Amino acid sequence: MAKWGEGDPRWIVEERADATNVNNWHWTERDATNWSSEKLKELLMGLWVEGEEGKCEITEVSKVEGEASINNRKGKLIFFYEWDLKADWRGTSKSGIQYKGNIEVPNLSDENDMDDLDISVSLCKDEPETVLLSLMRSEGVKKIRTALASYVDFLKTEFTQGMILPTANGVTQQQTAQTTTKSNITKIGSCSAAPPPNTGVKIPTCKFSIKDTFLTSPEDLYRVFLNQEMVQAFTRSSAVVQAEKGGKFRLLDGNVNGEFQELVPEQKIVMKWRFNSWPCEHYAAVTLTFTDKGNETELKIECRAVPENEEERTRDGWQRYYCHAIKQTFGYGARLC
């Protein structure tokens, strides 16, 4: 131990009030394998593309084999990941004919540039030739590549929380990621159901409510929030919706996700809801209440535990991407209360 004011600053325990990993000097490692496996499935499941030929969608992620870890040395983060992925896709032509195929990604690794990924798309054996295969090999591959780039982005941001420890004055040292990946990342994913260890950070929250009126019945409006195809229609993006208690949902290309906690047909929906940019595993509690007003339905949206600095964005999101978009898509326009 050096005397105060002398010697190598790496050994001055006063730099952290709890004397834990002073200046983040010591090597620490976090296994990201389980988290990554769930994250990759969430990002890929439900991805879809549509063209003049028809629509294609990933229906199952059948193989996620590999490993991932993060190491912290001298305040720098070093990422290792290597994955072999397989998935199934289904295409539906404009005439209603369905086709099935496979997707393989054998080399998702920190050693490979995202643009160099081998993404193979094929039809199942005995399936007839279809132009939908070309759609998947062009637009489908683009979306898959974007989703995998998003995984890398989440690995570097969401999963690394707490690995670079703050010093006594509360300032966290700059995190420097060492990896060979050189991709431009687009966030489209959601926080995994297998989160990193809780760092114990508390954030200030708030609550608000919105009322809006729709020219439709409670039954029809209730269905809009639970039917996957209708959700994809009014959000104009890919979505996964498991319409049951405990079911997960992922909207707006993964930028919104959560879980249904209570479903009372035509009356109420209670859910955990979050933007993927929020602290990992922090959810707002959202309750939708449907009230029959004769020829109209009043929808009351109550949001609690919203991060205080996200109130305006969250309120605007519900008004713009839910209320306004639903009216515009399905013709339920009415006055805003």
Protein backbone atom coordinates (compact mmCIF):
# COMPACT_ATOMS: atom_id res chain seq x y z
CA MET A 1 0.00 0.00 0.00
CA ALA A 2 1.49 3.33 -1.03
CA LYS A 3 1.44 6.29 1.31
CA TRP A 4 -1.15 8.93 0.64
CA GLY A 5 0.03 11.16 -2.22
CA GLU A 6 2.87 8.82 -3.18
CA GLY A 7 3.37 5.79 -5.37
CA ASP A 8 1.37 4.15 -8.11
CA PRO A 9 -2.25 5.46 -8.08
CA ARG A 10 -3.49 1.95 -8.92
CA TRP A 11 -3.05 0.98 -5.28
CA ILE A 12 -4.65 3.97 -3.59
CA VAL A 13 -7.77 2.43 -2.06
CA GLU A 14 -9.27 5.84 -1.33
CA GLU A 15 -10.11 6.11 -5.03
CA ARG A 16 -13.24 4.04 -4.27
CA ALA A 17 -15.21 4.34 -1.07
CA ASP A 18 -15.70 0.55 -0.88
CA ALA A 19 -12.13 -0.28 -2.05
CA THR A 20 -13.54 -2.59 -4.74
CA ASN A 21 -11.40 -3.09 -7.86
CA VAL A 22 -9.57 0.22 -7.51
CA ASN A 23 -9.58 2.24 -10.74
CA ASN A 24 -11.05 -0.87 -12.43
CA TRP A 25 -7.47 -2.18 -12.65
CA HIS A 26 -8.05 -5.86 -11.95
CA TRP A 27 -9.28 -8.39 -14.52
CA THR A 28 -12.98 -9.22 -14.23
CA GLU A 29 -15.04 -11.43 -16.52
CA ARG A 30 -18.78 -11.80 -17.11
CA ASP A 31 -20.34 -14.75 -18.93
CA ALA A 32 -22.83 -13.44 -21.51
CA THR A 33 -23.76 -16.79 -23.07
CA ASN A 34 -27.25 -17.30 -21.62
CA TRP A 35 -28.14 -13.62 -22.01
CA SER A 36 -26.92 -13.64 -25.61
CA SER A 37 -28.86 -16.78 -26.50
CA GLU A 38 -32.13 -15.24 -25.34
CA LYS A 39 -31.32 -11.88 -26.92
CA LEU A 40 -30.58 -13.40 -30.32
CA LYS A 41 -33.86 -15.34 -30.27
CA GLU A 42 -35.83 -12.22 -29.35
CA LEU A 43 -34.21 -10.12 -32.06
CA LEU A 44 -34.75 -12.67 -34.83
CA MET A 45 -38.19 -14.09 -33.96
CA GLY A 46 -40.97 -12.40 -35.88
CA LEU A 47 -38.76 -10.44 -38.29
CA TRP A 48 -40.64 -10.04 -41.54
CA VAL A 49 -40.36 -8.51 -44.99
CA GLU A 50 -43.06 -7.79 -47.54
CA GLY A 51 -43.00 -7.04 -51.23
CA GLU A 52 -45.09 -7.31 -54.37
CA GLU A 53 -44.54 -11.08 -54.31
CA GLY A 54 -45.92 -11.60 -50.80
CA LYS A 55 -44.71 -11.69 -47.21
CA CYS A 56 -41.97 -13.68 -45.42
CA GLU A 57 -41.48 -14.09 -41.66
CA ILE A 58 -39.05 -15.86 -39.33
CA THR A 59 -41.17 -18.37 -37.42
CA GLU A 60 -38.59 -20.17 -35.28
CA VAL A 61 -34.98 -19.84 -34.15
CA SER A 62 -34.02 -23.52 -34.13
CA LYS A 63 -30.32 -23.36 -33.26
CA VAL A 64 -28.30 -20.93 -31.12
CA GLU A 65 -24.94 -22.54 -30.37
CA GLY A 66 -21.86 -20.72 -29.14
CA GLU A 67 -20.63 -18.53 -26.33
CA ALA A 68 -20.05 -14.92 -25.35
CA SER A 69 -18.18 -13.15 -22.57
CA ILE A 70 -16.92 -9.71 -21.60
CA ASN A 71 -13.63 -8.97 -19.85
CA ASN A 72 -12.64 -5.79 -18.03
CA ARG A 73 -8.94 -5.01 -17.73
CA LYS A 74 -7.54 -1.63 -16.72
CA GLY A 75 -10.92 -0.02 -17.29
CA LYS A 76 -11.22 -1.38 -20.84
CA LEU A 77 -13.89 -3.81 -22.01
CA ILE A 78 -12.91 -6.68 -24.30
CA PHE A 79 -15.70 -8.61 -26.05
CA PHE A 80 -15.64 -12.25 -27.17
CA TYR A 81 -18.54 -13.92 -28.95
CA GLU A 82 -18.94 -16.72 -31.46
CA TRP A 83 -22.30 -18.08 -32.63
CA ASP A 84 -23.74 -20.60 -35.07
CA LEU A 85 -27.39 -19.79 -35.81
CA LYS A 86 -30.22 -21.49 -37.66
CA ALA A 87 -33.81 -20.33 -38.13
CA ASP A 88 -36.96 -21.24 -40.07
CA TRP A 89 -38.94 -18.87 -42.25
CA ARG A 90 -42.35 -19.02 -43.87
CA GLY A 91 -43.43 -17.16 -46.97
CA THR A 92 -46.97 -16.45 -48.12
CA SER A 93 -47.57 -15.39 -51.70
CA LYS A 94 -50.21 -12.87 -52.73
CA SER A 95 -52.36 -15.79 -53.85
CA GLY A 96 -52.13 -17.39 -50.40
CA ILE A 97 -49.67 -20.21 -51.21
CA GLN A 98 -47.24 -20.89 -48.36
CA TYR A 99 -43.59 -21.87 -48.58
CA LYS A 100 -41.08 -22.90 -45.91
CA GLY A 101 -37.35 -22.34 -45.76
CA ASN A 102 -34.22 -22.19 -43.64
CA ILE A 103 -31.69 -19.57 -42.59
CA GLU A 104 -28.12 -20.27 -41.48
CA VAL A 105 -25.54 -17.90 -39.98
CA PRO A 106 -22.43 -19.96 -39.13
CA ASN A 107 -19.93 -17.21 -38.34
CA LEU A 108 -21.34 -14.49 -36.08
CA SER A 109 -18.09 -13.68 -34.27
CA ASP A 110 -16.05 -10.80 -32.86
CA GLU A 111 -13.42 -11.75 -35.46
CA ASN A 112 -15.72 -11.04 -38.40
CA ASP A 113 -16.93 -7.71 -39.70
CA MET A 114 -20.73 -7.51 -39.75
CA ASP A 115 -20.69 -6.99 -43.52
CA ASP A 116 -18.75 -10.24 -43.93
CA LEU A 117 -21.34 -12.45 -42.21
CA ASP A 118 -22.42 -15.51 -44.20
CA ILE A 119 -26.24 -15.44 -44.15
CA SER A 120 -27.59 -18.35 -46.16
CA VAL A 121 -31.29 -18.47 -47.08
CA SER A 122 -32.83 -21.51 -48.76
CA LEU A 123 -36.12 -23.34 -49.33
CA CYS A 124 -36.93 -26.57 -47.53
CA LYS A 125 -36.47 -29.81 -49.45
CA ASP A 126 -39.26 -30.53 -51.95
CA GLU A 127 -40.56 -26.95 -51.81
CA PRO A 128 -41.24 -25.54 -55.31
CA GLU A 129 -39.31 -22.55 -56.56
CA THR A 130 -40.78 -19.17 -55.60
CA VAL A 131 -39.88 -15.51 -56.04
CA LEU A 132 -40.24 -15.17 -52.26
CA LEU A 133 -36.81 -16.77 -51.95
CA SER A 134 -35.32 -13.78 -53.77
CA LEU A 135 -37.20 -11.45 -51.42
CA MET A 136 -35.70 -13.19 -48.38
CA ARG A 137 -32.20 -13.23 -49.90
CA SER A 138 -32.31 -9.50 -50.50
CA GLU A 139 -34.54 -7.62 -48.05
CA GLY A 140 -34.71 -10.47 -45.53
CA VAL A 141 -30.93 -10.75 -45.27
CA LYS A 142 -30.69 -7.00 -44.72
CA LYS A 143 -33.06 -7.19 -41.75
CA ILE A 144 -31.27 -10.21 -40.31
CA ARG A 145 -27.92 -8.44 -40.56
CA THR A 146 -29.38 -5.39 -38.83
CA ALA A 147 -30.80 -7.55 -36.02
CA LEU A 148 -27.43 -9.24 -35.46
CA ALA A 149 -25.67 -5.88 -35.45
CA SER A 150 -28.17 -4.79 -32.83
CA TYR A 151 -27.20 -7.80 -30.69
CA VAL A 152 -23.58 -6.65 -30.70
CA ASP A 153 -24.69 -3.15 -29.75
CA PHE A 154 -26.75 -4.43 -26.82
CA LEU A 155 -23.88 -6.63 -25.70
CA LYS A 156 -21.64 -3.55 -25.51
CA THR A 157 -24.16 -1.31 -23.75
CA GLU A 158 -26.99 -3.10 -21.99
CA PHE A 159 -25.10 -6.13 -20.67
CA THR A 160 -22.00 -4.22 -19.57
CA GLN A 161 -23.79 -2.12 -16.95
CA GLY A 162 -21.81 -2.13 -13.71
CA MET A 163 -18.59 -3.59 -15.16
CA ILE A 164 -16.78 -0.25 -15.04
CA LEU A 165 -17.10 0.79 -11.39
CA PRO A 166 -17.44 4.45 -10.32
CA THR A 167 -14.75 6.08 -8.18
CA ALA A 168 -15.42 7.71 -4.82
CA ASN A 169 -16.67 10.95 -6.39
CA GLY A 170 -19.30 9.00 -8.36
CA VAL A 171 -17.60 9.47 -11.73
CA THR A 172 -17.37 6.40 -13.94
CA GLN A 173 -14.25 6.01 -16.00
CA GLN A 174 -14.62 6.08 -19.77
CA GLN A 175 -15.42 2.64 -21.12
CA THR A 176 -13.28 1.62 -24.06
CA ALA A 177 -14.44 -1.42 -26.03
CA GLN A 178 -11.76 -3.51 -27.72
CA THR A 179 -13.25 -5.53 -30.54
CA THR A 180 -12.63 -6.08 -34.23
CA THR A 181 -16.26 -5.48 -35.16
CA LYS A 182 -16.64 -2.32 -37.26
CA SER A 183 -20.36 -2.23 -37.95
CA ASN A 184 -22.77 0.66 -37.94
CA ILE A 185 -25.34 -0.43 -35.39
CA THR A 186 -29.11 0.06 -35.48
CA LYS A 187 -31.01 -0.59 -32.24
CA ILE A 188 -34.02 -2.77 -32.80
CA GLY A 189 -33.92 -5.23 -29.93
CA SER A 190 -35.36 -5.60 -26.44
CA CYS A 191 -33.91 -6.28 -23.07
CA SER A 192 -33.44 -9.97 -22.46
CA ALA A 193 -35.38 -12.02 -19.99
CA ALA A 194 -31.96 -13.11 -18.63
CA PRO A 195 -30.51 -9.73 -17.51
CA PRO A 196 -27.04 -8.97 -16.16
CA PRO A 197 -26.67 -8.80 -12.38
CA ASN A 198 -28.55 -5.96 -10.77
CA THR A 199 -26.29 -2.99 -10.16
CA GLY A 200 -28.66 -1.57 -7.55
CA VAL A 201 -29.15 1.73 -9.34
CA LYS A 202 -32.38 3.52 -8.47
CA ILE A 203 -33.90 6.02 -10.87
CA PRO A 204 -36.55 8.68 -10.21
CA THR A 205 -39.90 7.82 -11.80
CA CYS A 206 -43.24 9.49 -12.50
CA LYS A 207 -46.76 8.61 -13.59
CA PHE A 208 -49.26 10.07 -16.04
CA SER A 209 -52.53 9.17 -17.74
CA ILE A 210 -54.06 9.77 -21.17
CA LYS A 211 -57.69 9.56 -22.29
CA ASP A 212 -58.74 9.17 -25.88
CA THR A 213 -61.96 8.27 -27.70
CA PHE A 214 -62.29 5.86 -30.64
CA LEU A 215 -65.20 5.36 -33.04
CA THR A 216 -65.44 1.62 -32.51
CA SER A 217 -66.56 -0.95 -29.94
CA PRO A 218 -64.53 -2.01 -26.88
CA GLU A 219 -64.29 -5.49 -28.41
CA ASP A 220 -62.66 -4.23 -31.61
CA LEU A 221 -60.32 -1.80 -29.86
CA TYR A 222 -59.25 -4.44 -27.33
CA ARG A 223 -58.40 -6.81 -30.19
CA VAL A 224 -56.19 -4.19 -31.88
CA PHE A 225 -53.68 -4.39 -29.01
CA LEU A 226 -53.51 -8.21 -28.98
CA ASN A 227 -53.70 -9.30 -32.60
CA GLN A 228 -50.17 -9.52 -34.02
CA GLU A 229 -51.13 -8.68 -37.59
CA MET A 230 -53.14 -5.65 -36.46
CA VAL A 231 -50.25 -4.47 -34.27
CA GLN A 232 -47.89 -4.78 -37.25
CA ALA A 233 -50.39 -2.84 -39.35
CA PHE A 234 -50.72 0.20 -37.09
CA THR A 235 -47.02 0.29 -36.08
CA ARG A 236 -45.93 -0.34 -39.70
CA SER A 237 -43.08 -2.51 -38.42
CA SER A 238 -42.33 -6.05 -37.28
CA ALA A 239 -43.91 -7.21 -34.01
CA VAL A 240 -44.25 -10.29 -31.85
CA VAL A 241 -47.40 -10.48 -29.70
CA GLN A 242 -48.20 -13.43 -27.44
CA ALA A 243 -51.79 -12.60 -26.48
CA GLU A 244 -52.04 -14.36 -23.13
CA LYS A 245 -51.28 -13.72 -19.48
CA GLY A 246 -47.52 -13.86 -19.12
CA GLY A 247 -47.12 -13.53 -22.89
CA LYS A 248 -44.35 -11.33 -24.28
CA PHE A 249 -44.61 -8.60 -26.88
CA ARG A 250 -42.04 -6.76 -28.99
CA LEU A 251 -43.09 -3.78 -31.11
CA LEU A 252 -41.60 -1.12 -33.38
CA ASP A 253 -38.76 -3.38 -34.57
CA GLY A 254 -37.92 -4.20 -30.95
CA ASN A 255 -37.73 -0.65 -29.63
CA VAL A 256 -40.67 -1.41 -27.31
CA ASN A 257 -41.15 -4.65 -25.41
CA GLY A 258 -42.86 -6.08 -22.35
CA GLU A 259 -45.22 -8.66 -20.92
CA PHE A 260 -48.98 -8.96 -20.48
CA GLN A 261 -49.85 -9.36 -16.79
CA GLU A 262 -53.65 -9.24 -16.87
CA LEU A 263 -56.15 -9.55 -19.72
CA VAL A 264 -59.87 -8.89 -19.16
CA PRO A 265 -61.60 -9.16 -22.55
CA GLU A 266 -63.10 -5.87 -23.76
CA GLN A 267 -62.36 -4.20 -20.40
CA LYS A 268 -58.72 -4.07 -19.35
CA ILE A 269 -55.12 -4.85 -20.31
CA VAL A 270 -52.33 -4.63 -17.71
CA MET A 271 -48.74 -4.90 -18.91
CA LYS A 272 -45.09 -4.35 -18.13
CA TRP A 273 -43.83 -1.97 -20.81
CA ARG A 274 -40.48 -0.40 -21.67
CA PHE A 275 -38.39 1.34 -24.29
CA ASN A 276 -35.25 -0.71 -24.96
CA SER A 277 -33.09 2.34 -24.14
CA TRP A 278 -34.26 2.32 -20.51
CA PRO A 279 -32.05 0.77 -17.82
CA CYS A 280 -32.13 -2.99 -18.31
CA GLU A 281 -35.10 -4.71 -16.65
CA HIS A 282 -36.79 -1.43 -15.71
CA TYR A 283 -40.43 -1.51 -16.80
CA ALA A 284 -43.31 0.90 -16.52
CA ALA A 285 -46.64 -0.46 -15.28
CA VAL A 286 -49.26 0.31 -17.94
CA THR A 287 -53.01 -0.22 -17.58
CA LEU A 288 -55.43 0.17 -20.50
CA THR A 289 -59.09 0.53 -19.53
CA PHE A 290 -61.83 0.28 -22.19
CA THR A 291 -65.20 1.98 -21.47
CA ASP A 292 -68.23 1.63 -23.72
CA LYS A 293 -69.69 5.07 -24.56
CA GLY A 294 -72.43 3.95 -26.92
CA ASN A 295 -71.10 4.52 -30.42
CA GLU A 296 -67.62 5.20 -29.05
CA THR A 297 -65.05 3.63 -26.75
CA GLU A 298 -63.09 5.64 -24.23
CA LEU A 299 -59.55 4.38 -23.69
CA LYS A 300 -57.74 5.39 -20.50
CA ILE A 301 -53.99 4.78 -20.49
CA GLU A 302 -52.33 4.87 -17.05
CA CYS A 303 -48.52 4.71 -16.96
CA ARG A 304 -46.63 4.34 -13.67
CA ALA A 305 -42.91 4.00 -12.84
CA VAL A 306 -41.89 5.82 -16.02
CA PRO A 307 -38.31 7.16 -15.76
CA GLU A 308 -38.69 10.85 -14.92
CA ASN A 309 -36.53 12.02 -17.80
CA GLU A 310 -38.56 9.83 -20.22
CA GLU A 311 -42.04 11.17 -19.38
CA GLU A 312 -42.41 13.40 -22.43
CA ARG A 313 -41.06 10.78 -24.82
CA THR A 314 -43.27 8.05 -23.35
CA ARG A 315 -46.40 10.19 -23.39
CA ASP A 316 -45.70 11.25 -26.98
CA GLY A 317 -45.04 7.62 -27.92
CA TRP A 318 -48.41 6.44 -26.64
CA GLN A 319 -50.26 9.32 -28.32
CA ARG A 320 -48.43 9.10 -31.65
CA TYR A 321 -47.52 5.44 -32.14
CA TYR A 322 -50.60 3.97 -30.48
CA CYS A 323 -53.62 6.30 -30.38
CA HIS A 324 -53.04 8.35 -33.52
CA ALA A 325 -51.69 5.40 -35.53
CA ILE A 326 -54.64 3.16 -34.59
CA LYS A 327 -57.15 5.79 -35.67
CA GLN A 328 -55.33 6.44 -38.91
CA THR A 329 -54.93 2.74 -39.77
CA PHE A 330 -58.39 1.44 -38.87
CA GLY A 331 -60.53 4.57 -39.33
CA TYR A 332 -61.42 4.94 -35.63
CA GLY A 333 -60.81 8.70 -35.63
CA ALA A 334 -62.49 10.75 -32.92
CA ARG A 335 -61.73 13.73 -30.74
CA LEU A 336 -58.80 13.78 -28.31
CA CYS A 337 -59.95 14.38 -24.73
